[in-house]
């Protein structure tokens, strides 16, 4: 019984050391703090816009990417604009409109 207990203890210790090494290597490979701006072109009704913005915000929450999400109006209709304005209320997301194209 003690041999089985010792084997499990050694196995857990080895797993713990491998996990710590994996975390240390991951911390070394992650990029440093270098914020970047991600510009998302939005067209028509904004199909796929919500999923794209939520995916980028997920990357920010996990720490894999630091930066700001900019939704660029490239011909949104009223529904798309409403969606973009709703998404821009989240922290780190802005909505950019070019009013000179609409004249």
N, C-alpha and C. Protein backbone atom coordinates (compact mmCIF):
# COMPACT_ATOMS: atom_id res chain seq x y z
N UNK A 1 0.82 -1.19 0.00
CA UNK A 1 0.00 0.00 0.00
C UNK A 1 0.86 1.25 0.00
N UNK A 2 1.96 1.23 0.75
CA UNK A 2 2.82 2.40 0.80
C UNK A 2 3.53 2.63 -0.53
N UNK A 3 3.80 1.53 -1.27
CA UNK A 3 4.44 1.68 -2.57
C UNK A 3 3.51 2.39 -3.55
N UNK A 4 2.23 2.06 -3.50
CA UNK A 4 1.25 2.71 -4.37
C UNK A 4 1.13 4.18 -3.99
N UNK A 5 1.11 4.48 -2.71
CA UNK A 5 1.04 5.86 -2.23
C UNK A 5 2.28 6.64 -2.66
N UNK A 6 3.45 6.05 -2.55
CA UNK A 6 4.68 6.71 -2.96
C UNK A 6 4.68 6.96 -4.48
N UNK A 7 4.21 5.98 -5.23
CA UNK A 7 4.14 6.14 -6.69
C UNK A 7 3.21 7.29 -7.07
N UNK A 8 2.04 7.36 -6.43
CA UNK A 8 1.10 8.46 -6.72
C UNK A 8 1.67 9.81 -6.31
N UNK A 9 2.39 9.85 -5.21
CA UNK A 9 3.01 11.10 -4.76
C UNK A 9 4.07 11.57 -5.75
N UNK A 10 4.90 10.65 -6.20
CA UNK A 10 5.93 11.00 -7.18
C UNK A 10 5.28 11.43 -8.50
N UNK A 11 4.22 10.75 -8.90
CA UNK A 11 3.53 11.10 -10.13
C UNK A 11 2.92 12.49 -10.05
N UNK A 12 2.28 12.82 -8.94
CA UNK A 12 1.71 14.16 -8.76
C UNK A 12 2.79 15.24 -8.68
N UNK A 13 3.91 14.93 -8.03
CA UNK A 13 5.01 15.89 -7.96
C UNK A 13 5.60 16.14 -9.35
N UNK A 14 5.76 15.09 -10.14
CA UNK A 14 6.28 15.26 -11.49
C UNK A 14 5.31 16.08 -12.34
N UNK A 15 4.03 15.81 -12.21
CA UNK A 15 3.02 16.58 -12.94
C UNK A 15 3.05 18.05 -12.53
N UNK A 16 3.23 18.30 -11.24
CA UNK A 16 3.31 19.67 -10.76
C UNK A 16 4.53 20.40 -11.31
N UNK A 17 5.67 19.73 -11.36
CA UNK A 17 6.87 20.36 -11.91
C UNK A 17 6.73 20.64 -13.40
N UNK A 18 6.14 19.72 -14.13
CA UNK A 18 5.92 19.93 -15.56
C UNK A 18 4.95 21.10 -15.76
N UNK A 19 3.93 21.18 -14.94
CA UNK A 19 2.97 22.29 -15.05
C UNK A 19 3.62 23.63 -14.77
N UNK A 20 4.45 23.70 -13.74
CA UNK A 20 5.16 24.94 -13.43
C UNK A 20 6.11 25.33 -14.56
N UNK A 21 6.78 24.36 -15.14
CA UNK A 21 7.65 24.65 -16.28
C UNK A 21 6.87 25.15 -17.48
N UNK A 22 5.71 24.56 -17.71
CA UNK A 22 4.85 24.99 -18.81
C UNK A 22 4.38 26.44 -18.61
N UNK A 23 3.98 26.77 -17.39
CA UNK A 23 3.55 28.14 -17.10
C UNK A 23 4.69 29.13 -17.24
N UNK A 24 5.89 28.76 -16.79
CA UNK A 24 7.04 29.66 -16.91
C UNK A 24 7.39 29.87 -18.38
N UNK A 25 7.36 28.83 -19.18
CA UNK A 25 7.65 28.96 -20.61
C UNK A 25 6.58 29.82 -21.29
N UNK A 26 5.33 29.64 -20.92
CA UNK A 26 4.26 30.45 -21.49
C UNK A 26 4.42 31.92 -21.15
N UNK A 27 4.84 32.23 -19.92
CA UNK A 27 5.06 33.62 -19.53
C UNK A 27 6.21 34.24 -20.31
N UNK A 28 7.21 33.45 -20.64
CA UNK A 28 8.33 33.97 -21.42
C UNK A 28 7.95 34.20 -22.88
N UNK A 29 7.05 33.40 -23.41
CA UNK A 29 6.69 33.50 -24.82
C UNK A 29 5.60 34.51 -25.11
N UNK A 30 4.83 34.89 -24.09
CA UNK A 30 3.79 35.89 -24.32
C UNK A 30 4.43 37.24 -24.63
N UNK A 31 3.83 37.99 -25.53
CA UNK A 31 4.41 39.30 -25.84
C UNK A 31 4.29 40.24 -24.65
N UNK A 32 5.18 41.20 -24.61
CA UNK A 32 5.14 42.19 -23.54
C UNK A 32 3.96 43.12 -23.74
N UNK A 33 3.87 44.10 -22.89
CA UNK A 33 2.77 45.04 -22.97
C UNK A 33 3.03 45.96 -24.16
N UNK A 34 2.33 45.71 -25.23
CA UNK A 34 2.44 46.50 -26.45
C UNK A 34 1.03 46.64 -27.01
N UNK A 35 0.28 47.64 -26.52
CA UNK A 35 -1.10 47.74 -26.95
C UNK A 35 -1.21 48.01 -28.44
N UNK A 36 -2.16 47.36 -29.04
CA UNK A 36 -2.42 47.53 -30.46
C UNK A 36 -3.90 47.83 -30.66
N UNK A 37 -4.19 48.52 -31.72
CA UNK A 37 -5.58 48.85 -32.03
C UNK A 37 -6.06 47.91 -33.12
N UNK A 38 -7.15 47.22 -32.86
CA UNK A 38 -7.75 46.32 -33.84
C UNK A 38 -8.94 47.04 -34.47
N UNK A 39 -8.88 47.25 -35.78
CA UNK A 39 -9.95 47.93 -36.50
C UNK A 39 -10.79 46.88 -37.22
N UNK A 40 -12.09 46.88 -36.91
CA UNK A 40 -13.03 45.94 -37.51
C UNK A 40 -13.90 46.71 -38.50
N UNK A 41 -13.83 46.33 -39.77
CA UNK A 41 -14.67 46.95 -40.79
C UNK A 41 -16.06 46.36 -40.73
N UNK A 42 -17.06 47.22 -40.58
CA UNK A 42 -18.45 46.78 -40.46
C UNK A 42 -19.25 47.27 -41.65
N UNK A 43 -19.99 46.36 -42.26
CA UNK A 43 -20.79 46.69 -43.44
C UNK A 43 -22.22 46.18 -43.28
N UNK A 44 -23.12 46.80 -44.02
CA UNK A 44 -24.53 46.39 -44.11
C UNK A 44 -25.17 46.30 -42.73
N UNK A 45 -25.67 45.13 -42.37
CA UNK A 45 -26.36 44.99 -41.09
C UNK A 45 -25.42 44.58 -39.97
N UNK A 46 -24.13 44.53 -40.24
CA UNK A 46 -23.17 44.18 -39.20
C UNK A 46 -23.12 42.69 -38.91
N UNK A 47 -23.33 41.90 -39.96
CA UNK A 47 -23.34 40.44 -39.77
C UNK A 47 -21.95 39.97 -39.31
N UNK A 48 -21.90 39.26 -38.21
CA UNK A 48 -20.66 38.76 -37.65
C UNK A 48 -19.93 39.77 -36.79
N UNK A 49 -20.44 40.97 -36.68
CA UNK A 49 -19.76 42.02 -35.93
C UNK A 49 -19.72 41.71 -34.43
N UNK A 50 -20.85 41.27 -33.90
CA UNK A 50 -20.91 40.99 -32.47
C UNK A 50 -19.96 39.86 -32.08
N UNK A 51 -19.91 38.81 -32.90
CA UNK A 51 -19.01 37.69 -32.60
C UNK A 51 -17.55 38.12 -32.66
N UNK A 52 -17.22 38.95 -33.63
CA UNK A 52 -15.84 39.42 -33.77
C UNK A 52 -15.42 40.27 -32.58
N UNK A 53 -16.28 41.19 -32.19
CA UNK A 53 -15.95 42.07 -31.06
C UNK A 53 -15.86 41.26 -29.76
N UNK A 54 -16.78 40.34 -29.56
CA UNK A 54 -16.74 39.52 -28.34
C UNK A 54 -15.50 38.64 -28.30
N UNK A 55 -15.07 38.14 -29.46
CA UNK A 55 -13.84 37.33 -29.50
C UNK A 55 -12.62 38.18 -29.15
N UNK A 56 -12.57 39.40 -29.65
CA UNK A 56 -11.44 40.28 -29.32
C UNK A 56 -11.45 40.68 -27.85
N UNK A 57 -12.63 40.91 -27.31
CA UNK A 57 -12.72 41.23 -25.88
C UNK A 57 -12.32 40.03 -25.03
N UNK A 58 -12.62 38.83 -25.50
CA UNK A 58 -12.20 37.62 -24.78
C UNK A 58 -10.68 37.53 -24.77
N UNK A 59 -10.04 37.85 -25.89
CA UNK A 59 -8.58 37.85 -25.92
C UNK A 59 -8.00 38.86 -24.93
N UNK A 60 -8.67 40.01 -24.80
CA UNK A 60 -8.20 41.00 -23.82
C UNK A 60 -8.36 40.49 -22.40
N UNK A 61 -9.50 39.86 -22.12
CA UNK A 61 -9.72 39.35 -20.75
C UNK A 61 -8.73 38.27 -20.37
N UNK A 62 -8.31 37.44 -21.32
CA UNK A 62 -7.37 36.37 -21.02
C UNK A 62 -5.94 36.86 -20.93
N UNK A 63 -5.69 38.10 -21.39
CA UNK A 63 -4.34 38.65 -21.33
C UNK A 63 -3.48 38.30 -22.53
N UNK A 64 -4.05 37.69 -23.54
CA UNK A 64 -3.28 37.34 -24.73
C UNK A 64 -3.11 38.52 -25.68
N UNK A 65 -3.91 39.56 -25.50
CA UNK A 65 -3.83 40.74 -26.35
C UNK A 65 -4.22 41.96 -25.54
N UNK A 66 -3.46 43.02 -25.69
CA UNK A 66 -3.77 44.28 -25.02
C UNK A 66 -4.06 45.29 -26.12
N UNK A 67 -5.14 45.97 -26.00
CA UNK A 67 -5.42 46.98 -27.00
C UNK A 67 -6.88 47.41 -27.00
N UNK A 68 -7.21 48.15 -28.04
CA UNK A 68 -8.53 48.74 -28.18
C UNK A 68 -9.18 48.20 -29.44
N UNK A 69 -10.49 48.01 -29.40
CA UNK A 69 -11.25 47.57 -30.55
C UNK A 69 -11.95 48.79 -31.14
N UNK A 70 -11.74 49.02 -32.42
CA UNK A 70 -12.38 50.14 -33.11
C UNK A 70 -13.28 49.55 -34.20
N UNK A 71 -14.55 49.90 -34.13
CA UNK A 71 -15.50 49.48 -35.16
C UNK A 71 -15.57 50.60 -36.19
N UNK A 72 -15.17 50.32 -37.40
CA UNK A 72 -15.14 51.30 -38.48
C UNK A 72 -16.38 51.12 -39.35
N UNK A 73 -17.12 52.21 -39.53
CA UNK A 73 -18.33 52.18 -40.35
C UNK A 73 -17.94 52.20 -41.82
N UNK A 74 -18.18 51.11 -42.50
CA UNK A 74 -17.89 51.00 -43.94
C UNK A 74 -19.18 50.74 -44.70
N UNK A 75 -20.23 51.46 -44.33
CA UNK A 75 -21.50 51.31 -45.03
C UNK A 75 -22.53 50.53 -44.22
N UNK A 76 -22.67 50.85 -42.96
CA UNK A 76 -23.67 50.19 -42.12
C UNK A 76 -25.05 50.78 -42.37
N UNK A 77 -26.08 49.93 -42.31
CA UNK A 77 -27.44 50.44 -42.36
C UNK A 77 -27.89 50.77 -40.93
N UNK A 78 -29.16 51.08 -40.74
CA UNK A 78 -29.63 51.50 -39.40
C UNK A 78 -29.48 50.39 -38.36
N UNK A 79 -29.80 49.16 -38.74
CA UNK A 79 -29.65 48.05 -37.79
C UNK A 79 -28.19 47.84 -37.42
N UNK A 80 -27.32 47.93 -38.41
CA UNK A 80 -25.89 47.77 -38.15
C UNK A 80 -25.34 48.86 -37.26
N UNK A 81 -25.80 50.09 -37.49
CA UNK A 81 -25.36 51.20 -36.64
C UNK A 81 -25.83 51.03 -35.21
N UNK A 82 -27.06 50.56 -35.04
CA UNK A 82 -27.58 50.33 -33.69
C UNK A 82 -26.75 49.26 -32.98
N UNK A 83 -26.40 48.21 -33.71
CA UNK A 83 -25.57 47.15 -33.13
C UNK A 83 -24.19 47.69 -32.77
N UNK A 84 -23.59 48.47 -33.66
CA UNK A 84 -22.27 49.02 -33.39
C UNK A 84 -22.28 49.95 -32.19
N UNK A 85 -23.31 50.78 -32.08
CA UNK A 85 -23.42 51.68 -30.92
C UNK A 85 -23.59 50.88 -29.63
N UNK A 86 -24.36 49.79 -29.68
CA UNK A 86 -24.55 48.96 -28.49
C UNK A 86 -23.23 48.30 -28.09
N UNK A 87 -22.46 47.82 -29.07
CA UNK A 87 -21.18 47.20 -28.76
C UNK A 87 -20.16 48.22 -28.26
N UNK A 88 -20.27 49.46 -28.74
CA UNK A 88 -19.32 50.50 -28.33
C UNK A 88 -19.52 50.95 -26.88
N UNK A 89 -20.60 50.54 -26.26
CA UNK A 89 -20.81 50.88 -24.85
C UNK A 89 -19.93 50.04 -23.93
N UNK A 90 -19.35 48.97 -24.44
CA UNK A 90 -18.48 48.14 -23.64
C UNK A 90 -17.12 48.82 -23.51
N UNK A 91 -16.45 48.64 -22.37
CA UNK A 91 -15.15 49.29 -22.19
C UNK A 91 -14.12 48.74 -23.18
N UNK A 92 -13.37 49.65 -23.80
CA UNK A 92 -12.33 49.26 -24.74
C UNK A 92 -12.80 49.16 -26.17
N UNK A 93 -14.07 49.50 -26.43
CA UNK A 93 -14.62 49.44 -27.78
C UNK A 93 -15.09 50.83 -28.17
N UNK A 94 -14.68 51.30 -29.35
CA UNK A 94 -15.14 52.58 -29.86
C UNK A 94 -15.73 52.39 -31.25
N UNK A 95 -16.59 53.32 -31.63
CA UNK A 95 -17.26 53.27 -32.93
C UNK A 95 -16.87 54.52 -33.71
N UNK A 96 -16.33 54.32 -34.90
CA UNK A 96 -15.86 55.42 -35.72
C UNK A 96 -16.72 55.53 -36.97
N UNK A 97 -17.30 56.73 -37.16
CA UNK A 97 -18.13 56.99 -38.33
C UNK A 97 -17.49 58.10 -39.15
N UNK A 98 -17.52 57.93 -40.46
CA UNK A 98 -17.07 58.99 -41.38
C UNK A 98 -18.31 59.64 -41.95
N UNK A 99 -18.66 60.82 -41.43
CA UNK A 99 -19.88 61.49 -41.87
C UNK A 99 -19.74 62.11 -43.25
N UNK A 100 -18.52 62.34 -43.71
CA UNK A 100 -18.38 62.96 -45.02
C UNK A 100 -18.77 62.03 -46.16
N UNK A 101 -18.80 60.72 -45.93
CA UNK A 101 -19.23 59.77 -46.96
C UNK A 101 -20.75 59.76 -47.11
N UNK A 102 -21.47 60.27 -46.15
CA UNK A 102 -22.92 60.18 -46.16
C UNK A 102 -23.58 61.40 -46.79
N UNK A 103 -22.83 62.37 -47.22
CA UNK A 103 -23.38 63.60 -47.79
C UNK A 103 -23.83 63.36 -49.21
